[in-house]
Amino acid sequence: FLVDQNGNIISLRKGDKVYLGTLSSIDFSNE
């Protein structure tokens, strides 16, 4: 869960697109 450049709360899964790329990995243990 992120607060994006517009101040909106956004939820992303692994592989979802972002500007210029994608979310490649989630490390829950190290947050």
All heavy atoms as atom14 arrays in JSON, in Angstrom:
{
  "sequence": "FLVDQNGNIISLRKGDKVYLGTLSSIDFSNE",
  "atom14_mask": [
    [1, 1, 1, 1, 1, 1, 1, 1, 1, 1, 1, 0, 0, 0],
    [1, 1, 1, 1, 1, 1, 1, 1, 0, 0, 0, 0, 0, 0],
    [1, 1, 1, 1, 1, 1, 1, 0, 0, 0, 0, 0, 0, 0],
    [1, 1, 1, 1, 1, 1, 1, 1, 0, 0, 0, 0, 0, 0],
    [1, 1, 1, 1, 1, 1, 1, 1, 1, 0, 0, 0, 0, 0],
    [1, 1, 1, 1, 1, 1, 1, 1, 0, 0, 0, 0, 0, 0],
    [1, 1, 1, 1, 0, 0, 0, 0, 0, 0, 0, 0, 0, 0],
    [1, 1, 1, 1, 1, 1, 1, 1, 0, 0, 0, 0, 0, 0],
    [1, 1, 1, 1, 1, 1, 1, 1, 0, 0, 0, 0, 0, 0],
    [1, 1, 1, 1, 1, 1, 1, 1, 0, 0, 0, 0, 0, 0],
    [1, 1, 1, 1, 1, 1, 0, 0, 0, 0, 0, 0, 0, 0],
    [1, 1, 1, 1, 1, 1, 1, 1, 0, 0, 0, 0, 0, 0],
    [1, 1, 1, 1, 1, 1, 1, 1, 1, 1, 1, 0, 0, 0],
    [1, 1, 1, 1, 1, 1, 1, 1, 1, 0, 0, 0, 0, 0],
    [1, 1, 1, 1, 0, 0, 0, 0, 0, 0, 0, 0, 0, 0],
    [1, 1, 1, 1, 1, 1, 1, 1, 0, 0, 0, 0, 0, 0],
    [1, 1, 1, 1, 1, 1, 1, 1, 1, 0, 0, 0, 0, 0],
    [1, 1, 1, 1, 1, 1, 1, 0, 0, 0, 0, 0, 0, 0],
    [1, 1, 1, 1, 1, 1, 1, 1, 1, 1, 1, 1, 0, 0],
    [1, 1, 1, 1, 1, 1, 1, 1, 0, 0, 0, 0, 0, 0],
    [1, 1, 1, 1, 0, 0, 0, 0, 0, 0, 0, 0, 0, 0],
    [1, 1, 1, 1, 1, 1, 1, 0, 0, 0, 0, 0, 0, 0],
    [1, 1, 1, 1, 1, 1, 1, 1, 0, 0, 0, 0, 0, 0],
    [1, 1, 1, 1, 1, 1, 0, 0, 0, 0, 0, 0, 0, 0],
    [1, 1, 1, 1, 1, 1, 0, 0, 0, 0, 0, 0, 0, 0],
    [1, 1, 1, 1, 1, 1, 1, 1, 0, 0, 0, 0, 0, 0],
    [1, 1, 1, 1, 1, 1, 1, 1, 0, 0, 0, 0, 0, 0],
    [1, 1, 1, 1, 1, 1, 1, 1, 1, 1, 1, 0, 0, 0],
    [1, 1, 1, 1, 1, 1, 0, 0, 0, 0, 0, 0, 0, 0],
    [1, 1, 1, 1, 1, 1, 1, 1, 0, 0, 0, 0, 0, 0],
    [1, 1, 1, 1, 1, 1, 1, 1, 1, 0, 0, 0, 0, 0]
  ],
  "atom14_positions": [
    [[0.85, -1.19, 0.0], [0.0, 0.0, 0.0], [0.89, 1.24, 0.0], [1.83, 1.34, 0.79], [-0.91, 0.0, 1.24], [-1.84, -1.18, 1.29], [-1.44, -2.37, 1.89], [-3.1, -1.1, 0.71], [-2.29, -3.46, 1.94], [-3.95, -2.19, 0.75], [-3.56, -3.38, 1.36], [0.0, 0.0, 0.0], [0.0, 0.0, 0.0], [0.0, 0.0, 0.0]],
    [[0.6, 2.13, -0.95], [1.41, 3.32, -1.1], [0.54, 4.57, -1.13], [-0.63, 4.5, -1.5], [2.23, 3.28, -2.41], [3.13, 2.09, -2.68], [2.44, 1.12, -3.61], [4.46, 2.55, -3.27], [0.0, 0.0, 0.0], [0.0, 0.0, 0.0], [0.0, 0.0, 0.0], [0.0, 0.0, 0.0], [0.0, 0.0, 0.0], [0.0, 0.0, 0.0]],
    [[1.16, 5.69, -0.78], [0.57, 6.99, -1.05], [1.29, 7.52, -2.28], [2.51, 7.74, -2.25], [0.75, 7.96, 0.14], [0.21, 9.34, -0.23], [0.05, 7.42, 1.37], [0.0, 0.0, 0.0], [0.0, 0.0, 0.0], [0.0, 0.0, 0.0], [0.0, 0.0, 0.0], [0.0, 0.0, 0.0], [0.0, 0.0, 0.0], [0.0, 0.0, 0.0]],
    [[0.55, 7.67, -3.39], [1.21, 8.02, -4.65], [1.48, 9.52, -4.76], [1.23, 10.28, -3.8], [0.4, 7.52, -5.85], [-0.91, 8.28, -6.04], [-1.18, 9.26, -5.31], [-1.69, 7.89, -6.94], [0.0, 0.0, 0.0], [0.0, 0.0, 0.0], [0.0, 0.0, 0.0], [0.0, 0.0, 0.0], [0.0, 0.0, 0.0], [0.0, 0.0, 0.0]],
    [[1.96, 9.95, -5.91], [2.35, 11.34, -6.13], [1.19, 12.31, -6.04], [1.39, 13.52, -5.87], [3.04, 11.47, -7.51], [2.14, 11.23, -8.72], [2.05, 9.76, -9.12], [2.39, 8.88, -8.34], [1.6, 9.52, -10.34], [0.0, 0.0, 0.0], [0.0, 0.0, 0.0], [0.0, 0.0, 0.0], [0.0, 0.0, 0.0], [0.0, 0.0, 0.0]],
    [[-0.03, 11.77, -6.12], [-1.22, 12.63, -6.03], [-1.86, 12.61, -4.65], [-2.91, 13.2, -4.44], [-2.25, 12.19, -7.07], [-1.72, 12.29, -8.5], [-1.12, 13.29, -8.86], [-1.92, 11.24, -9.28], [0.0, 0.0, 0.0], [0.0, 0.0, 0.0], [0.0, 0.0, 0.0], [0.0, 0.0, 0.0], [0.0, 0.0, 0.0], [0.0, 0.0, 0.0]],
    [[-1.23, 11.88, -3.72], [-1.77, 11.79, -2.37], [-2.81, 10.7, -2.21], [-3.45, 10.6, -1.15], [0.0, 0.0, 0.0], [0.0, 0.0, 0.0], [0.0, 0.0, 0.0], [0.0, 0.0, 0.0], [0.0, 0.0, 0.0], [0.0, 0.0, 0.0], [0.0, 0.0, 0.0], [0.0, 0.0, 0.0], [0.0, 0.0, 0.0], [0.0, 0.0, 0.0]],
    [[-3.01, 9.85, -3.23], [-3.99, 8.78, -3.16], [-3.35, 7.5, -2.6], [-2.18, 7.23, -2.84], [-4.57, 8.48, -4.54], [-5.27, 9.7, -5.13], [-5.99, 10.4, -4.44], [-5.05, 9.93, -6.43], [0.0, 0.0, 0.0], [0.0, 0.0, 0.0], [0.0, 0.0, 0.0], [0.0, 0.0, 0.0], [0.0, 0.0, 0.0], [0.0, 0.0, 0.0]],
    [[-4.15, 6.72, -1.86], [-3.67, 5.44, -1.36], [-3.92, 4.38, -2.43], [-5.05, 4.18, -2.87], [-4.37, 5.06, -0.04], [-4.04, 6.09, 1.05], [-3.95, 3.66, 0.41], [-4.74, 5.83, 2.38], [0.0, 0.0, 0.0], [0.0, 0.0, 0.0], [0.0, 0.0, 0.0], [0.0, 0.0, 0.0], [0.0, 0.0, 0.0], [0.0, 0.0, 0.0]],
    [[-2.86, 3.71, -2.82], [-2.91, 2.74, -3.91], [-2.46, 1.38, -3.41], [-1.47, 1.27, -2.68], [-2.03, 3.18, -5.1], [-2.42, 4.57, -5.58], [-2.12, 2.17, -6.25], [-3.81, 4.68, -6.16], [0.0, 0.0, 0.0], [0.0, 0.0, 0.0], [0.0, 0.0, 0.0], [0.0, 0.0, 0.0], [0.0, 0.0, 0.0], [0.0, 0.0, 0.0]],
    [[-3.16, 0.31, -3.84], [-2.79, -1.06, -3.51], [-2.23, -1.73, -4.76], [-2.81, -1.64, -5.85], [-4.01, -1.83, -3.01], [-3.72, -3.21, -2.91], [0.0, 0.0, 0.0], [0.0, 0.0, 0.0], [0.0, 0.0, 0.0], [0.0, 0.0, 0.0], [0.0, 0.0, 0.0], [0.0, 0.0, 0.0], [0.0, 0.0, 0.0], [0.0, 0.0, 0.0]],
    [[-1.09, -2.41, -4.64], [-0.45, -3.09, -5.77], [-0.1, -4.53, -5.41], [0.25, -4.83, -4.26], [0.84, -2.36, -6.18], [0.71, -0.91, -6.69], [2.1, -0.33, -6.9], [-0.09, -0.87, -7.98], [0.0, 0.0, 0.0], [0.0, 0.0, 0.0], [0.0, 0.0, 0.0], [0.0, 0.0, 0.0], [0.0, 0.0, 0.0], [0.0, 0.0, 0.0]],
    [[-0.18, -5.41, -6.4], [0.29, -6.79, -6.29], [1.57, -6.95, -7.1], [1.89, -6.13, -7.96], [-0.76, -7.77, -6.81], [-2.04, -7.85, -5.98], [-3.02, -8.81, -6.64], [-4.26, -8.94, -5.89], [-4.47, -9.86, -4.95], [-3.51, -10.75, -4.69], [-5.62, -9.92, -4.32], [0.0, 0.0, 0.0], [0.0, 0.0, 0.0], [0.0, 0.0, 0.0]],
    [[2.29, -8.05, -6.87], [3.5, -8.34, -7.63], [3.15, -8.44, -9.12], [2.21, -9.12, -9.51], [4.12, -9.65, -7.14], [5.42, -10.01, -7.86], [6.01, -11.3, -7.31], [7.27, -11.69, -8.06], [7.86, -12.96, -7.55], [0.0, 0.0, 0.0], [0.0, 0.0, 0.0], [0.0, 0.0, 0.0], [0.0, 0.0, 0.0], [0.0, 0.0, 0.0]],
    [[3.92, -7.73, -9.94], [3.68, -7.73, -11.38], [2.86, -6.57, -11.87], [2.79, -6.32, -13.09], [0.0, 0.0, 0.0], [0.0, 0.0, 0.0], [0.0, 0.0, 0.0], [0.0, 0.0, 0.0], [0.0, 0.0, 0.0], [0.0, 0.0, 0.0], [0.0, 0.0, 0.0], [0.0, 0.0, 0.0], [0.0, 0.0, 0.0], [0.0, 0.0, 0.0]],
    [[2.19, -5.82, -10.95], [1.38, -4.68, -11.37], [2.27, -3.58, -11.95], [3.42, -3.38, -11.53], [0.59, -4.12, -10.19], [-0.63, -4.97, -9.86], [-0.95, -5.88, -10.65], [-1.27, -4.71, -8.82], [0.0, 0.0, 0.0], [0.0, 0.0, 0.0], [0.0, 0.0, 0.0], [0.0, 0.0, 0.0], [0.0, 0.0, 0.0], [0.0, 0.0, 0.0]],
    [[1.71, -2.84, -12.91], [2.44, -1.78, -13.57], [2.51, -0.53, -12.71], [1.56, -0.18, -12.0], [1.78, -1.42, -14.91], [1.94, -2.48, -15.99], [1.32, -1.99, -17.29], [1.51, -2.99, -18.4], [0.93, -2.49, -19.69], [0.0, 0.0, 0.0], [0.0, 0.0, 0.0], [0.0, 0.0, 0.0], [0.0, 0.0, 0.0], [0.0, 0.0, 0.0]],
    [[3.64, 0.13, -12.79], [3.83, 1.46, -12.23], [4.46, 2.3, -13.34], [4.78, 1.78, -14.41], [4.72, 1.45, -10.98], [4.07, 0.64, -9.87], [6.11, 0.87, -11.31], [0.0, 0.0, 0.0], [0.0, 0.0, 0.0], [0.0, 0.0, 0.0], [0.0, 0.0, 0.0], [0.0, 0.0, 0.0], [0.0, 0.0, 0.0], [0.0, 0.0, 0.0]],
    [[4.62, 3.57, -13.1], [5.23, 4.44, -14.12], [6.66, 3.97, -14.39], [7.48, 3.89, -13.48], [5.21, 5.89, -13.64], [5.9, 6.87, -14.55], [5.63, 6.9, -15.91], [6.82, 7.79, -14.03], [6.26, 7.81, -16.75], [7.44, 8.72, -14.86], [7.16, 8.7, -16.22], [7.79, 9.62, -17.04], [0.0, 0.0, 0.0], [0.0, 0.0, 0.0]],
    [[6.93, 3.6, -15.64], [8.23, 3.14, -16.14], [8.6, 1.73, -15.72], [9.73, 1.29, -15.98], [9.36, 4.1, -15.73], [9.22, 5.56, -16.17], [10.4, 6.38, -15.65], [9.14, 5.66, -17.7], [0.0, 0.0, 0.0], [0.0, 0.0, 0.0], [0.0, 0.0, 0.0], [0.0, 0.0, 0.0], [0.0, 0.0, 0.0], [0.0, 0.0, 0.0]],
    [[7.69, 0.98, -15.08], [8.09, -0.37, -14.69], [6.99, -1.16, -14.01], [5.8, -0.94, -14.23], [0.0, 0.0, 0.0], [0.0, 0.0, 0.0], [0.0, 0.0, 0.0], [0.0, 0.0, 0.0], [0.0, 0.0, 0.0], [0.0, 0.0, 0.0], [0.0, 0.0, 0.0], [0.0, 0.0, 0.0], [0.0, 0.0, 0.0], [0.0, 0.0, 0.0]],
    [[7.41, -2.1, -13.15], [6.48, -2.99, -12.45], [6.96, -3.23, -11.02], [8.14, -3.02, -10.7], [6.37, -4.36, -13.16], [7.66, -4.99, -13.19], [5.82, -4.21, -14.57], [0.0, 0.0, 0.0], [0.0, 0.0, 0.0], [0.0, 0.0, 0.0], [0.0, 0.0, 0.0], [0.0, 0.0, 0.0], [0.0, 0.0, 0.0], [0.0, 0.0, 0.0]],
    [[6.04, -3.7, -10.19], [6.4, -4.17, -8.85], [6.98, -5.57, -9.01], [6.29, -6.5, -9.42], [5.16, -4.2, -7.94], [5.31, -4.85, -6.57], [6.42, -4.21, -5.75], [3.98, -4.83, -5.82], [0.0, 0.0, 0.0], [0.0, 0.0, 0.0], [0.0, 0.0, 0.0], [0.0, 0.0, 0.0], [0.0, 0.0, 0.0], [0.0, 0.0, 0.0]],
    [[8.27, -5.76, -8.7], [8.94, -7.03, -8.97], [8.96, -7.98, -7.78], [8.95, -9.2, -7.96], [10.38, -6.78, -9.43], [11.11, -6.08, -8.44], [0.0, 0.0, 0.0], [0.0, 0.0, 0.0], [0.0, 0.0, 0.0], [0.0, 0.0, 0.0], [0.0, 0.0, 0.0], [0.0, 0.0, 0.0], [0.0, 0.0, 0.0], [0.0, 0.0, 0.0]],
    [[8.98, -7.46, -6.54], [9.01, -8.37, -5.38], [8.49, -7.68, -4.13], [8.56, -6.44, -4.01], [10.43, -8.89, -5.13], [11.3, -7.84, -4.75], [0.0, 0.0, 0.0], [0.0, 0.0, 0.0], [0.0, 0.0, 0.0], [0.0, 0.0, 0.0], [0.0, 0.0, 0.0], [0.0, 0.0, 0.0], [0.0, 0.0, 0.0], [0.0, 0.0, 0.0]],
    [[7.97, -8.51, -3.21], [7.47, -8.03, -1.91], [8.2, -8.79, -0.82], [8.19, -10.03, -0.78], [5.95, -8.25, -1.78], [5.2, -7.45, -2.86], [5.46, -7.84, -0.39], [3.71, -7.74, -2.9], [0.0, 0.0, 0.0], [0.0, 0.0, 0.0], [0.0, 0.0, 0.0], [0.0, 0.0, 0.0], [0.0, 0.0, 0.0], [0.0, 0.0, 0.0]],
    [[8.88, -8.08, 0.07], [9.61, -8.69, 1.19], [8.86, -8.32, 2.48], [9.11, -7.28, 3.09], [11.05, -8.16, 1.22], [11.9, -8.88, 2.26], [11.32, -9.55, 3.15], [13.13, -8.77, 2.18], [0.0, 0.0, 0.0], [0.0, 0.0, 0.0], [0.0, 0.0, 0.0], [0.0, 0.0, 0.0], [0.0, 0.0, 0.0], [0.0, 0.0, 0.0]],
    [[7.93, -9.22, 2.88], [7.09, -8.94, 4.04], [7.91, -8.89, 5.33], [7.67, -8.04, 6.19], [5.99, -10.0, 4.15], [5.11, -9.85, 5.34], [4.2, -8.8, 5.43], [5.19, -10.75, 6.4], [3.39, -8.66, 6.55], [4.38, -10.62, 7.51], [3.48, -9.56, 7.59], [0.0, 0.0, 0.0], [0.0, 0.0, 0.0], [0.0, 0.0, 0.0]],
    [[8.91, -9.79, 5.44], [9.7, -9.86, 6.68], [10.46, -8.57, 6.93], [10.55, -8.09, 8.07], [10.69, -11.04, 6.61], [10.0, -12.26, 6.45], [0.0, 0.0, 0.0], [0.0, 0.0, 0.0], [0.0, 0.0, 0.0], [0.0, 0.0, 0.0], [0.0, 0.0, 0.0], [0.0, 0.0, 0.0], [0.0, 0.0, 0.0], [0.0, 0.0, 0.0]],
    [[11.03, -8.01, 5.88], [11.82, -6.79, 6.03], [11.04, -5.53, 5.69], [11.62, -4.43, 5.68], [13.07, -6.87, 5.16], [14.04, -7.96, 5.61], [14.41, -8.02, 6.77], [14.41, -8.83, 4.69], [0.0, 0.0, 0.0], [0.0, 0.0, 0.0], [0.0, 0.0, 0.0], [0.0, 0.0, 0.0], [0.0, 0.0, 0.0], [0.0, 0.0, 0.0]],
    [[9.74, -5.72, 5.4], [8.84, -4.59, 5.12], [9.37, -3.72, 3.99], [9.47, -2.49, 4.09], [8.61, -3.76, 6.38], [7.95, -4.54, 7.51], [7.66, -3.69, 8.73], [8.42, -2.71, 8.96], [6.69, -3.96, 9.44], [0.0, 0.0, 0.0], [0.0, 0.0, 0.0], [0.0, 0.0, 0.0], [0.0, 0.0, 0.0], [0.0, 0.0, 0.0]]
  ]
}
